[in-house]
């Protein structure tokens, strides 16, 4: 899977949660809290929710 944030080039989506959270830079703590509060996993359907949340908070 690939992701693209803002105007950056598309990149391969990290497989580990820790690496995935680092993608969000200064929003990583908020995204991590969202993961925990909503009991999300690194599944495609959950990652869609995470990216939707990121779009709301940026």
N, C-alpha and C. Protein backbone atom coordinates (compact mmCIF):
# COMPACT_ATOMS: atom_id res chain seq x y z
N UNK A 1 0.85 -1.18 0.00
CA UNK A 1 0.00 0.00 0.00
C UNK A 1 0.89 1.24 0.00
N UNK A 2 0.35 2.30 -0.57
CA UNK A 2 1.05 3.57 -0.62
C UNK A 2 0.21 4.66 0.04
N UNK A 3 0.86 5.73 0.43
CA UNK A 3 0.16 6.88 0.99
C UNK A 3 0.78 8.14 0.42
N UNK A 4 0.01 9.23 0.49
CA UNK A 4 0.52 10.53 0.06
C UNK A 4 -0.07 11.58 1.00
N UNK A 5 0.80 12.32 1.67
CA UNK A 5 0.37 13.39 2.56
C UNK A 5 0.65 14.72 1.90
N UNK A 6 -0.33 15.58 1.92
CA UNK A 6 -0.21 16.93 1.36
C UNK A 6 0.35 16.86 -0.05
N UNK A 7 1.39 17.60 -0.34
CA UNK A 7 1.95 17.67 -1.69
C UNK A 7 3.17 16.77 -1.87
N UNK A 8 3.43 15.88 -0.93
CA UNK A 8 4.59 14.99 -1.01
C UNK A 8 4.36 13.90 -2.06
N UNK A 9 5.46 13.25 -2.46
CA UNK A 9 5.35 12.11 -3.36
C UNK A 9 4.74 10.92 -2.62
N UNK A 10 4.10 10.03 -3.36
CA UNK A 10 3.55 8.81 -2.77
C UNK A 10 4.70 7.94 -2.26
N UNK A 11 4.49 7.33 -1.11
CA UNK A 11 5.51 6.48 -0.48
C UNK A 11 4.89 5.18 -0.03
N UNK A 12 5.73 4.18 0.13
CA UNK A 12 5.26 2.88 0.63
C UNK A 12 4.83 3.06 2.08
N UNK A 13 3.68 2.51 2.42
CA UNK A 13 3.14 2.60 3.77
C UNK A 13 3.94 1.69 4.70
N UNK A 14 4.47 2.24 5.79
CA UNK A 14 5.22 1.39 6.75
C UNK A 14 4.31 0.30 7.32
N UNK A 15 4.91 -0.84 7.63
CA UNK A 15 4.12 -1.97 8.15
C UNK A 15 3.96 -1.93 9.66
N UNK A 16 4.93 -1.35 10.35
CA UNK A 16 4.81 -1.32 11.81
C UNK A 16 4.07 -0.05 12.24
N UNK A 17 3.38 -0.16 13.34
CA UNK A 17 2.61 0.97 13.86
C UNK A 17 3.53 2.13 14.22
N UNK A 18 4.67 1.83 14.82
CA UNK A 18 5.61 2.87 15.23
C UNK A 18 6.11 3.65 14.01
N UNK A 19 6.51 2.95 12.97
CA UNK A 19 6.97 3.62 11.75
C UNK A 19 5.83 4.38 11.08
N UNK A 20 4.64 3.79 11.10
CA UNK A 20 3.47 4.43 10.50
C UNK A 20 3.19 5.76 11.20
N UNK A 21 3.22 5.78 12.51
CA UNK A 21 2.95 7.01 13.25
C UNK A 21 3.99 8.09 12.95
N UNK A 22 5.23 7.69 12.71
CA UNK A 22 6.28 8.68 12.42
C UNK A 22 6.02 9.44 11.13
N UNK A 23 5.22 8.88 10.25
CA UNK A 23 4.86 9.53 8.99
C UNK A 23 4.14 10.86 9.25
N UNK A 24 3.44 10.97 10.36
CA UNK A 24 2.60 12.12 10.64
C UNK A 24 3.32 13.26 11.35
N UNK A 25 4.61 13.11 11.55
CA UNK A 25 5.42 14.19 12.13
C UNK A 25 4.87 14.70 13.44
N UNK A 26 4.57 16.00 13.50
CA UNK A 26 4.11 16.62 14.76
C UNK A 26 2.71 16.18 15.16
N UNK A 27 2.00 15.49 14.31
CA UNK A 27 0.65 14.99 14.63
C UNK A 27 0.68 13.52 15.08
N UNK A 28 1.88 12.93 15.18
CA UNK A 28 2.00 11.51 15.52
C UNK A 28 1.35 11.18 16.86
N UNK A 29 1.50 12.04 17.86
CA UNK A 29 0.89 11.76 19.17
C UNK A 29 -0.63 11.75 19.08
N UNK A 30 -1.20 12.69 18.34
CA UNK A 30 -2.66 12.72 18.18
C UNK A 30 -3.16 11.49 17.42
N UNK A 31 -2.42 11.10 16.40
CA UNK A 31 -2.80 9.92 15.63
C UNK A 31 -2.68 8.67 16.50
N UNK A 32 -1.63 8.57 17.29
CA UNK A 32 -1.46 7.44 18.21
C UNK A 32 -2.60 7.35 19.21
N UNK A 33 -3.01 8.48 19.74
CA UNK A 33 -4.14 8.52 20.68
C UNK A 33 -5.43 8.08 19.98
N UNK A 34 -5.61 8.52 18.74
CA UNK A 34 -6.79 8.13 17.96
C UNK A 34 -6.80 6.61 17.76
N UNK A 35 -5.63 6.04 17.44
CA UNK A 35 -5.50 4.58 17.30
C UNK A 35 -5.97 3.90 18.57
N UNK A 36 -5.44 4.34 19.69
CA UNK A 36 -5.72 3.69 20.98
C UNK A 36 -7.18 3.87 21.38
N UNK A 37 -7.69 5.11 21.30
CA UNK A 37 -9.06 5.40 21.72
C UNK A 37 -10.09 4.63 20.91
N UNK A 38 -9.79 4.39 19.63
CA UNK A 38 -10.73 3.71 18.74
C UNK A 38 -10.39 2.24 18.52
N UNK A 39 -9.38 1.75 19.26
CA UNK A 39 -8.97 0.34 19.20
C UNK A 39 -8.72 -0.12 17.76
N UNK A 40 -7.94 0.69 17.03
CA UNK A 40 -7.66 0.40 15.63
C UNK A 40 -6.42 -0.47 15.49
N UNK A 41 -6.36 -1.17 14.40
CA UNK A 41 -5.22 -2.03 14.06
C UNK A 41 -4.63 -1.54 12.74
N UNK A 42 -3.57 -2.17 12.29
CA UNK A 42 -2.93 -1.81 11.04
C UNK A 42 -3.61 -2.53 9.86
N UNK A 43 -4.94 -2.51 9.84
CA UNK A 43 -5.72 -3.11 8.77
C UNK A 43 -6.13 -2.00 7.80
N UNK A 44 -6.26 -2.32 6.51
CA UNK A 44 -6.61 -1.28 5.54
C UNK A 44 -7.85 -0.46 5.92
N UNK A 45 -8.88 -1.10 6.41
CA UNK A 45 -10.10 -0.37 6.75
C UNK A 45 -9.88 0.59 7.92
N UNK A 46 -9.01 0.21 8.86
CA UNK A 46 -8.69 1.10 9.98
C UNK A 46 -7.77 2.23 9.53
N UNK A 47 -6.85 1.95 8.62
CA UNK A 47 -5.93 2.98 8.14
C UNK A 47 -6.69 4.07 7.37
N UNK A 48 -7.74 3.69 6.69
CA UNK A 48 -8.58 4.69 6.01
C UNK A 48 -9.16 5.64 7.04
N UNK A 49 -9.61 5.11 8.17
CA UNK A 49 -10.15 5.96 9.25
C UNK A 49 -9.08 6.91 9.78
N UNK A 50 -7.86 6.39 9.91
CA UNK A 50 -6.76 7.22 10.42
C UNK A 50 -6.44 8.36 9.47
N UNK A 51 -6.36 8.07 8.18
CA UNK A 51 -6.08 9.14 7.21
C UNK A 51 -7.22 10.14 7.14
N UNK A 52 -8.44 9.69 7.30
CA UNK A 52 -9.59 10.60 7.33
C UNK A 52 -9.48 11.52 8.55
N UNK A 53 -9.13 10.96 9.68
CA UNK A 53 -8.94 11.76 10.90
C UNK A 53 -7.81 12.76 10.69
N UNK A 54 -6.72 12.33 10.10
CA UNK A 54 -5.59 13.24 9.84
C UNK A 54 -6.05 14.44 8.99
N UNK A 55 -6.84 14.17 7.98
CA UNK A 55 -7.34 15.26 7.13
C UNK A 55 -8.17 16.26 7.94
N UNK A 56 -8.88 15.77 8.95
CA UNK A 56 -9.71 16.64 9.79
C UNK A 56 -8.88 17.52 10.73
N UNK A 57 -7.74 17.02 11.21
CA UNK A 57 -6.96 17.75 12.21
C UNK A 57 -5.81 18.59 11.64
N UNK A 58 -5.50 18.40 10.38
CA UNK A 58 -4.34 19.16 9.85
C UNK A 58 -4.66 20.60 9.57
